Every structure is written in structure tokens, then in C-alpha cells.
């Protein structure tokens, strides 16, 4: 996963959406489950792919803060959006009694995986940039 910016936001949303939907379909196929709300669930996956990607993209603006509070804040933002979505869906169409926990679990897993990959790539790029800067500094001191 690349670092998220304005130029690659849509492509990252598309990639993460595709991976989430493929995972959903593979799990359903393996379990022998037929989704009667297929269309609605696909659009929900798309919506949360956009939300999770947008929340992870906020890291660019939060770089001056420690990583752990940023991660917790990002997750709370995603969880808050999930709770609001389930509450709105309950008012509009009614949901099952455990819909809130199911949605939080369904959003938490992609968020944790996405955040792990995103920050892993981020820190690898930082390490690479630091190595390049160290090499440049070494060359300048030798001259």
C-alpha cells in the first residue's frame, strides 16, 4: 500500500474495496452462506473502504503526534462512523439485535489490517529516506 495522498486516494479505495469484497465472497463461499442483502452489503463495503482510507490519510496531518494516540483516534473515528451508520440503518430499516457488534467487527478487521500495512510501508519509507540523507551527509563531510 502506498502512502495515501490526493493523487492516489481513489486507486487505494478501489484496491482496498476489491480486497475486502473478495475476502467477503471467499468466506461466504467457504461457509456455504448466501447473502440475501448482497447489494446493500457491497455498497456498505464501498462506503467503509472510503471512510477507512480517508481516516488513514489523516496521518499526513497528524505526523507531529505520537503514533499510538493517532492510531487510537483513527480507530475511534471509524468506530464512531460505524455506530452512526448502524443507528441510522436501524431507524430506516431496522436491524438485528447484534448488528452493532457485527458491524464493528466487520470494520475493525479491515481497519487493523489496512493500518498495519499502511504504517509498515510508512516507516519503511522513513527508514529509506533516513539512509539516503545519511549517505548525502557522509558525502558532504568527505568533500
N, C-alpha and C. Protein backbone atom coordinates (compact mmCIF):
# COMPACT_ATOMS: atom_id res chain seq x y z
N UNK A 1 0.85 -1.17 0.00
CA UNK A 1 0.00 0.00 0.00
C UNK A 1 0.90 1.23 0.00
N UNK A 2 0.60 2.16 -0.87
CA UNK A 2 1.35 3.40 -0.94
C UNK A 2 0.86 4.34 0.15
N UNK A 3 1.66 5.37 0.40
CA UNK A 3 1.19 6.41 1.29
C UNK A 3 0.03 7.12 0.61
N UNK A 4 -0.98 7.44 1.37
CA UNK A 4 -2.21 7.98 0.80
C UNK A 4 -2.07 9.49 0.63
N UNK A 5 -2.36 9.95 -0.59
CA UNK A 5 -2.40 11.39 -0.86
C UNK A 5 -3.53 11.67 -1.84
N UNK A 6 -3.66 12.90 -2.28
CA UNK A 6 -4.76 13.28 -3.17
C UNK A 6 -4.71 12.54 -4.50
N UNK A 7 -3.51 12.28 -4.99
CA UNK A 7 -3.36 11.67 -6.31
C UNK A 7 -3.73 10.19 -6.33
N UNK A 8 -3.53 9.47 -5.23
CA UNK A 8 -3.78 8.03 -5.25
C UNK A 8 -4.93 7.60 -4.34
N UNK A 9 -5.70 8.53 -3.81
CA UNK A 9 -6.79 8.19 -2.89
C UNK A 9 -7.79 7.24 -3.53
N UNK A 10 -8.26 7.57 -4.73
CA UNK A 10 -9.28 6.74 -5.41
C UNK A 10 -8.73 5.35 -5.72
N UNK A 11 -7.49 5.27 -6.18
CA UNK A 11 -6.94 3.95 -6.50
C UNK A 11 -6.77 3.09 -5.25
N UNK A 12 -6.40 3.69 -4.13
CA UNK A 12 -6.27 2.91 -2.89
C UNK A 12 -7.64 2.47 -2.40
N UNK A 13 -8.65 3.33 -2.52
CA UNK A 13 -10.01 2.93 -2.16
C UNK A 13 -10.45 1.74 -3.01
N UNK A 14 -10.19 1.81 -4.30
CA UNK A 14 -10.58 0.72 -5.21
C UNK A 14 -9.86 -0.58 -4.87
N UNK A 15 -8.58 -0.50 -4.58
CA UNK A 15 -7.82 -1.70 -4.23
C UNK A 15 -8.33 -2.30 -2.92
N UNK A 16 -8.50 -1.46 -1.90
CA UNK A 16 -8.96 -1.99 -0.61
C UNK A 16 -10.39 -2.53 -0.72
N UNK A 17 -11.25 -1.86 -1.49
CA UNK A 17 -12.61 -2.33 -1.69
C UNK A 17 -12.61 -3.70 -2.37
N UNK A 18 -11.79 -3.85 -3.40
CA UNK A 18 -11.71 -5.12 -4.11
C UNK A 18 -11.24 -6.23 -3.18
N UNK A 19 -10.21 -5.96 -2.37
CA UNK A 19 -9.70 -6.97 -1.45
C UNK A 19 -10.75 -7.34 -0.39
N UNK A 20 -11.46 -6.36 0.13
CA UNK A 20 -12.48 -6.63 1.15
C UNK A 20 -13.62 -7.45 0.56
N UNK A 21 -14.09 -7.07 -0.63
CA UNK A 21 -15.19 -7.80 -1.25
C UNK A 21 -14.77 -9.22 -1.63
N UNK A 22 -13.55 -9.37 -2.15
CA UNK A 22 -13.08 -10.72 -2.48
C UNK A 22 -12.98 -11.58 -1.23
N UNK A 23 -12.48 -11.00 -0.13
CA UNK A 23 -12.44 -11.74 1.13
C UNK A 23 -13.83 -12.12 1.61
N UNK A 24 -14.77 -11.19 1.49
CA UNK A 24 -16.16 -11.45 1.88
C UNK A 24 -16.73 -12.60 1.06
N UNK A 25 -16.53 -12.56 -0.23
CA UNK A 25 -17.07 -13.59 -1.11
C UNK A 25 -16.42 -14.96 -0.85
N UNK A 26 -15.11 -14.96 -0.62
CA UNK A 26 -14.43 -16.24 -0.33
C UNK A 26 -14.92 -16.84 0.99
N UNK A 27 -15.08 -16.02 2.00
CA UNK A 27 -15.58 -16.52 3.29
C UNK A 27 -17.01 -17.05 3.14
N UNK A 28 -17.84 -16.33 2.42
CA UNK A 28 -19.22 -16.78 2.22
C UNK A 28 -19.26 -18.08 1.43
N UNK A 29 -18.42 -18.19 0.42
CA UNK A 29 -18.38 -19.42 -0.39
C UNK A 29 -17.91 -20.60 0.46
N UNK A 30 -16.88 -20.39 1.26
CA UNK A 30 -16.35 -21.47 2.10
C UNK A 30 -17.36 -21.90 3.16
N UNK A 31 -18.15 -20.94 3.65
CA UNK A 31 -19.13 -21.25 4.69
C UNK A 31 -20.46 -21.75 4.10
N UNK A 32 -20.60 -21.64 2.78
CA UNK A 32 -21.85 -22.05 2.14
C UNK A 32 -22.99 -21.07 2.42
N UNK A 33 -22.66 -19.82 2.66
CA UNK A 33 -23.64 -18.80 3.01
C UNK A 33 -24.08 -18.05 1.76
N UNK A 34 -25.37 -17.79 1.65
CA UNK A 34 -25.89 -16.98 0.56
C UNK A 34 -26.39 -15.66 1.15
N UNK A 35 -25.86 -14.56 0.67
CA UNK A 35 -26.18 -13.24 1.20
C UNK A 35 -27.44 -12.71 0.53
N UNK A 36 -28.52 -12.58 1.30
CA UNK A 36 -29.78 -12.08 0.73
C UNK A 36 -29.75 -10.56 0.59
N UNK A 37 -28.84 -9.90 1.27
CA UNK A 37 -28.70 -8.44 1.19
C UNK A 37 -27.42 -8.07 0.45
N UNK A 38 -27.11 -8.78 -0.60
CA UNK A 38 -25.84 -8.66 -1.30
C UNK A 38 -25.54 -7.24 -1.76
N UNK A 39 -26.49 -6.61 -2.44
CA UNK A 39 -26.25 -5.27 -2.99
C UNK A 39 -25.99 -4.26 -1.89
N UNK A 40 -26.81 -4.27 -0.88
CA UNK A 40 -26.61 -3.34 0.23
C UNK A 40 -25.29 -3.54 0.92
N UNK A 41 -24.89 -4.80 1.10
CA UNK A 41 -23.62 -5.09 1.76
C UNK A 41 -22.42 -4.66 0.92
N UNK A 42 -22.53 -4.79 -0.38
CA UNK A 42 -21.43 -4.36 -1.26
C UNK A 42 -21.25 -2.85 -1.17
N UNK A 43 -22.36 -2.11 -1.20
CA UNK A 43 -22.25 -0.65 -1.09
C UNK A 43 -21.78 -0.23 0.30
N UNK A 44 -22.13 -0.99 1.31
CA UNK A 44 -21.62 -0.72 2.65
C UNK A 44 -20.11 -0.93 2.69
N UNK A 45 -19.63 -2.00 2.05
CA UNK A 45 -18.18 -2.25 1.96
C UNK A 45 -17.48 -1.09 1.25
N UNK A 46 -18.09 -0.59 0.17
CA UNK A 46 -17.50 0.54 -0.55
C UNK A 46 -17.46 1.78 0.34
N UNK A 47 -18.55 2.05 1.03
CA UNK A 47 -18.59 3.22 1.91
C UNK A 47 -17.53 3.16 3.00
N UNK A 48 -17.39 2.00 3.63
CA UNK A 48 -16.39 1.88 4.68
C UNK A 48 -14.98 1.84 4.13
N UNK A 49 -14.79 1.40 2.89
CA UNK A 49 -13.46 1.48 2.26
C UNK A 49 -13.05 2.94 2.10
N UNK A 50 -14.00 3.77 1.69
CA UNK A 50 -13.73 5.21 1.55
C UNK A 50 -13.43 5.82 2.92
N UNK A 51 -14.24 5.48 3.93
CA UNK A 51 -14.06 6.05 5.26
C UNK A 51 -12.72 5.65 5.86
N UNK A 52 -12.39 4.36 5.80
CA UNK A 52 -11.13 3.89 6.38
C UNK A 52 -9.94 4.51 5.67
N UNK A 53 -9.98 4.59 4.34
CA UNK A 53 -8.88 5.19 3.60
C UNK A 53 -8.74 6.67 3.95
N UNK A 54 -9.86 7.38 4.05
CA UNK A 54 -9.81 8.80 4.41
C UNK A 54 -9.25 9.00 5.82
N UNK A 55 -9.64 8.14 6.74
CA UNK A 55 -9.14 8.27 8.11
C UNK A 55 -7.64 7.97 8.17
N UNK A 56 -7.20 6.95 7.45
CA UNK A 56 -5.76 6.67 7.42
C UNK A 56 -4.98 7.80 6.74
N UNK A 57 -5.60 8.45 5.77
CA UNK A 57 -4.94 9.56 5.08
C UNK A 57 -4.73 10.76 6.00
N UNK A 58 -5.49 10.83 7.09
CA UNK A 58 -5.31 11.92 8.05
C UNK A 58 -3.94 11.88 8.72
N UNK A 59 -3.26 10.73 8.63
CA UNK A 59 -1.95 10.62 9.25
C UNK A 59 -1.00 11.69 8.75
N UNK A 60 -1.14 12.10 7.51
CA UNK A 60 -0.29 13.15 6.93
C UNK A 60 -0.39 14.42 7.78
N UNK A 61 -1.58 14.72 8.27
CA UNK A 61 -1.78 15.93 9.06
C UNK A 61 -1.47 15.72 10.54
N UNK A 62 -1.32 14.48 10.96
CA UNK A 62 -1.11 14.16 12.37
C UNK A 62 0.29 13.63 12.65
N UNK A 63 1.24 13.87 11.76
CA UNK A 63 2.57 13.31 11.90
C UNK A 63 3.32 13.82 13.12
N UNK A 64 2.96 14.98 13.63
CA UNK A 64 3.69 15.52 14.78
C UNK A 64 3.26 14.90 16.10
N UNK A 65 2.20 14.08 16.07
CA UNK A 65 1.72 13.42 17.27
C UNK A 65 2.25 11.99 17.34
N UNK A 66 2.34 11.41 18.53
CA UNK A 66 2.81 10.02 18.66
C UNK A 66 1.87 9.04 17.94
N UNK A 67 2.44 7.96 17.46
CA UNK A 67 1.70 7.00 16.63
C UNK A 67 0.53 6.34 17.37
N UNK A 68 0.73 5.88 18.58
CA UNK A 68 -0.32 5.13 19.29
C UNK A 68 -1.57 5.98 19.50
N UNK A 69 -1.46 7.23 20.00
CA UNK A 69 -2.68 8.04 20.11
C UNK A 69 -3.35 8.31 18.76
N UNK A 70 -2.54 8.47 17.73
CA UNK A 70 -3.11 8.69 16.39
C UNK A 70 -3.88 7.46 15.94
N UNK A 71 -3.31 6.27 16.13
CA UNK A 71 -4.00 5.03 15.76
C UNK A 71 -5.30 4.87 16.54
N UNK A 72 -5.25 5.14 17.83
CA UNK A 72 -6.46 5.02 18.65
C UNK A 72 -7.51 6.02 18.19
N UNK A 73 -7.08 7.25 17.94
CA UNK A 73 -8.02 8.27 17.45
C UNK A 73 -8.61 7.91 16.10
N UNK A 74 -7.78 7.38 15.22
CA UNK A 74 -8.28 6.97 13.90
C UNK A 74 -9.29 5.85 14.05
N UNK A 75 -9.00 4.88 14.90
CA UNK A 75 -9.95 3.78 15.09
C UNK A 75 -11.24 4.28 15.72
N UNK A 76 -11.15 5.17 16.70
CA UNK A 76 -12.37 5.71 17.32
C UNK A 76 -13.21 6.48 16.30
N UNK A 77 -12.56 7.16 15.38
CA UNK A 77 -13.30 7.87 14.32
C UNK A 77 -14.04 6.88 13.43
N UNK A 78 -13.37 5.81 13.04
CA UNK A 78 -14.01 4.77 12.21
C UNK A 78 -15.13 4.08 12.99
N UNK A 79 -14.88 3.76 14.26
CA UNK A 79 -15.90 3.12 15.08
C UNK A 79 -17.10 4.05 15.28
N UNK A 80 -16.85 5.34 15.47
CA UNK A 80 -17.94 6.30 15.59
C UNK A 80 -18.78 6.38 14.33
N UNK A 81 -18.12 6.37 13.17
CA UNK A 81 -18.85 6.37 11.90
C UNK A 81 -19.67 5.09 11.77
N UNK A 82 -19.14 3.99 12.23
CA UNK A 82 -19.85 2.71 12.18
C UNK A 82 -21.09 2.75 13.07
N UNK A 83 -20.93 3.24 14.28
CA UNK A 83 -22.06 3.33 15.21
C UNK A 83 -23.15 4.24 14.62
N UNK A 84 -22.74 5.37 14.07
CA UNK A 84 -23.71 6.29 13.45
C UNK A 84 -24.43 5.62 12.29
N UNK A 85 -23.68 4.87 11.47
CA UNK A 85 -24.28 4.17 10.34
C UNK A 85 -25.30 3.14 10.81
N UNK A 86 -24.96 2.35 11.81
CA UNK A 86 -25.88 1.31 12.30
C UNK A 86 -27.12 1.95 12.94
N UNK A 87 -26.93 3.03 13.69
CA UNK A 87 -28.08 3.72 14.29
C UNK A 87 -29.01 4.26 13.20
N UNK A 88 -28.43 4.84 12.15
CA UNK A 88 -29.25 5.36 11.04
C UNK A 88 -29.95 4.22 10.31
N UNK A 89 -29.25 3.13 10.09
CA UNK A 89 -29.86 1.97 9.42
C UNK A 89 -30.99 1.39 10.26
N UNK A 90 -30.83 1.40 11.57
CA UNK A 90 -31.86 0.89 12.47
C UNK A 90 -33.12 1.75 12.41
N UNK A 91 -32.94 3.04 12.31
CA UNK A 91 -34.09 3.94 12.21
C UNK A 91 -34.80 3.76 10.87
N UNK A 92 -34.03 3.59 9.80
CA UNK A 92 -34.61 3.49 8.46
C UNK A 92 -35.25 2.13 8.22
N UNK A 93 -34.51 1.07 8.50
CA UNK A 93 -34.99 -0.25 8.09
C UNK A 93 -35.07 -1.26 9.22
N UNK A 94 -34.52 -0.96 10.36
CA UNK A 94 -34.48 -1.93 11.44
C UNK A 94 -33.33 -2.90 11.23
N UNK A 95 -32.64 -3.20 12.32
CA UNK A 95 -31.50 -4.12 12.24
C UNK A 95 -31.66 -5.19 13.31
N UNK A 96 -30.83 -6.20 13.21
CA UNK A 96 -30.88 -7.27 14.21
C UNK A 96 -30.32 -6.77 15.53
N UNK A 97 -30.54 -7.54 16.59
CA UNK A 97 -30.11 -7.11 17.92
C UNK A 97 -28.60 -7.05 18.06
N UNK A 98 -27.87 -7.83 17.31
CA UNK A 98 -26.40 -7.80 17.41
C UNK A 98 -25.75 -7.13 16.19
N UNK A 99 -26.50 -6.30 15.48
CA UNK A 99 -25.97 -5.63 14.29
C UNK A 99 -24.78 -4.72 14.61
N UNK A 100 -24.85 -4.05 15.76
CA UNK A 100 -23.77 -3.13 16.13
C UNK A 100 -22.46 -3.88 16.28
N UNK A 101 -22.46 -5.00 17.01
CA UNK A 101 -21.24 -5.77 17.21
C UNK A 101 -20.75 -6.39 15.91
N UNK A 102 -21.67 -6.85 15.07
CA UNK A 102 -21.27 -7.43 13.79
C UNK A 102 -20.60 -6.39 12.90
N UNK A 103 -21.17 -5.18 12.86
CA UNK A 103 -20.59 -4.13 12.03
C UNK A 103 -19.24 -3.66 12.59
N UNK A 104 -19.15 -3.53 13.91
CA UNK A 104 -17.87 -3.12 14.49
C UNK A 104 -16.78 -4.15 14.18
N UNK A 105 -17.12 -5.42 14.26
CA UNK A 105 -16.16 -6.47 13.91
C UNK A 105 -15.83 -6.42 12.42
N UNK A 106 -16.84 -6.21 11.59
CA UNK A 106 -16.63 -6.16 10.14
C UNK A 106 -15.79 -4.96 9.73
N UNK A 107 -15.79 -3.91 10.50
CA UNK A 107 -15.00 -2.72 10.19
C UNK A 107 -13.63 -2.79 10.87
N UNK A 108 -13.57 -3.39 12.04
CA UNK A 108 -12.32 -3.45 12.79
C UNK A 108 -11.27 -4.28 12.05
N UNK A 109 -11.66 -5.41 11.53
CA UNK A 109 -10.68 -6.29 10.86
C UNK A 109 -10.03 -5.59 9.66
N UNK A 110 -10.80 -5.02 8.70
CA UNK A 110 -10.13 -4.31 7.60
C UNK A 110 -9.33 -3.10 8.07
N UNK A 111 -9.81 -2.39 9.11
CA UNK A 111 -9.07 -1.23 9.61
C UNK A 111 -7.72 -1.65 10.17
N UNK A 112 -7.71 -2.69 10.99
CA UNK A 112 -6.45 -3.13 11.61
C UNK A 112 -5.47 -3.59 10.54
N UNK A 113 -5.95 -4.36 9.58
CA UNK A 113 -5.06 -4.83 8.51
C UNK A 113 -4.56 -3.66 7.68
N UNK A 114 -5.45 -2.75 7.31
CA UNK A 114 -5.06 -1.59 6.50
C UNK A 114 -4.08 -0.70 7.25
N UNK A 115 -4.35 -0.43 8.52
CA UNK A 115 -3.46 0.42 9.32
C UNK A 115 -2.09 -0.24 9.47
N UNK A 116 -2.06 -1.54 9.71
CA UNK A 116 -0.79 -2.25 9.84
C UNK A 116 0.04 -2.12 8.57
N UNK A 117 -0.57 -2.40 7.43
CA UNK A 117 0.15 -2.32 6.16
C UNK A 117 0.57 -0.88 5.87
N UNK A 118 -0.34 0.07 6.09
CA UNK A 118 -0.05 1.47 5.80
C UNK A 118 1.13 1.97 6.63
N UNK A 119 1.11 1.73 7.94
CA UNK A 119 2.18 2.24 8.79
C UNK A 119 3.48 1.46 8.60
N UNK A 120 3.40 0.20 8.24
CA UNK A 120 4.60 -0.56 7.91
C UNK A 120 5.31 0.05 6.71
N UNK A 121 4.55 0.33 5.67
CA UNK A 121 5.11 0.97 4.47
C UNK A 121 5.63 2.36 4.82
N UNK A 122 4.88 3.09 5.61
CA UNK A 122 5.28 4.44 6.01
C UNK A 122 6.63 4.43 6.70
N UNK A 123 6.81 3.55 7.68
CA UNK A 123 8.07 3.51 8.41
C UNK A 123 9.22 2.96 7.57
N UNK A 124 8.92 2.08 6.62
CA UNK A 124 9.97 1.61 5.70
C UNK A 124 10.46 2.77 4.84
N UNK A 125 9.53 3.61 4.37
CA UNK A 125 9.92 4.76 3.55
C UNK A 125 10.70 5.78 4.37
N UNK A 126 10.33 5.95 5.63
CA UNK A 126 11.08 6.85 6.52
C UNK A 126 12.51 6.34 6.71
N UNK A 127 12.64 5.03 6.93
CA UNK A 127 13.96 4.44 7.13
C UNK A 127 14.81 4.59 5.87
N UNK A 128 14.19 4.39 4.70
CA UNK A 128 14.90 4.53 3.44
C UNK A 128 15.34 5.98 3.23
N UNK A 129 14.46 6.92 3.54
CA UNK A 129 14.80 8.34 3.39
C UNK A 129 15.92 8.73 4.35
N UNK A 130 15.90 8.21 5.57
CA UNK A 130 16.96 8.50 6.53
C UNK A 130 18.30 7.95 6.05
N UNK A 131 18.29 6.77 5.44
CA UNK A 131 19.53 6.19 4.90
C UNK A 131 20.08 7.05 3.76
N UNK A 132 19.19 7.54 2.92
CA UNK A 132 19.63 8.41 1.81
C UNK A 132 20.22 9.70 2.36
N UNK A 133 19.55 10.29 3.36
CA UNK A 133 20.06 11.52 3.96
C UNK A 133 21.41 11.30 4.65
N UNK A 134 21.57 10.16 5.31
CA UNK A 134 22.84 9.85 5.95
C UNK A 134 23.96 9.72 4.91
N UNK A 135 23.64 9.10 3.79
CA UNK A 135 24.62 8.95 2.71
C UNK A 135 25.00 10.31 2.14
N UNK A 136 24.03 11.18 1.95
CA UNK A 136 24.31 12.53 1.44
C UNK A 136 25.18 13.30 2.44
N UNK A 137 24.85 13.20 3.72
CA UNK A 137 25.65 13.88 4.76
C UNK A 137 27.07 13.35 4.80
N UNK A 138 27.25 12.04 4.63
CA UNK A 138 28.57 11.44 4.62
C UNK A 138 29.38 11.96 3.44
N UNK A 139 28.75 12.07 2.28
CA UNK A 139 29.45 12.56 1.09
C UNK A 139 29.83 14.03 1.26
N UNK A 140 28.96 14.82 1.89
CA UNK A 140 29.26 16.24 2.10
C UNK A 140 30.40 16.44 3.10
N UNK A 141 30.52 15.59 4.10
CA UNK A 141 31.58 15.74 5.08
C UNK A 141 32.93 15.25 4.55
N UNK A 142 32.90 14.37 3.57
CA UNK A 142 34.15 13.87 2.97
C UNK A 142 34.75 14.88 2.01
N UNK A 143 33.97 15.76 1.48
CA UNK A 143 34.46 16.72 0.48
C UNK A 143 35.17 17.85 1.09
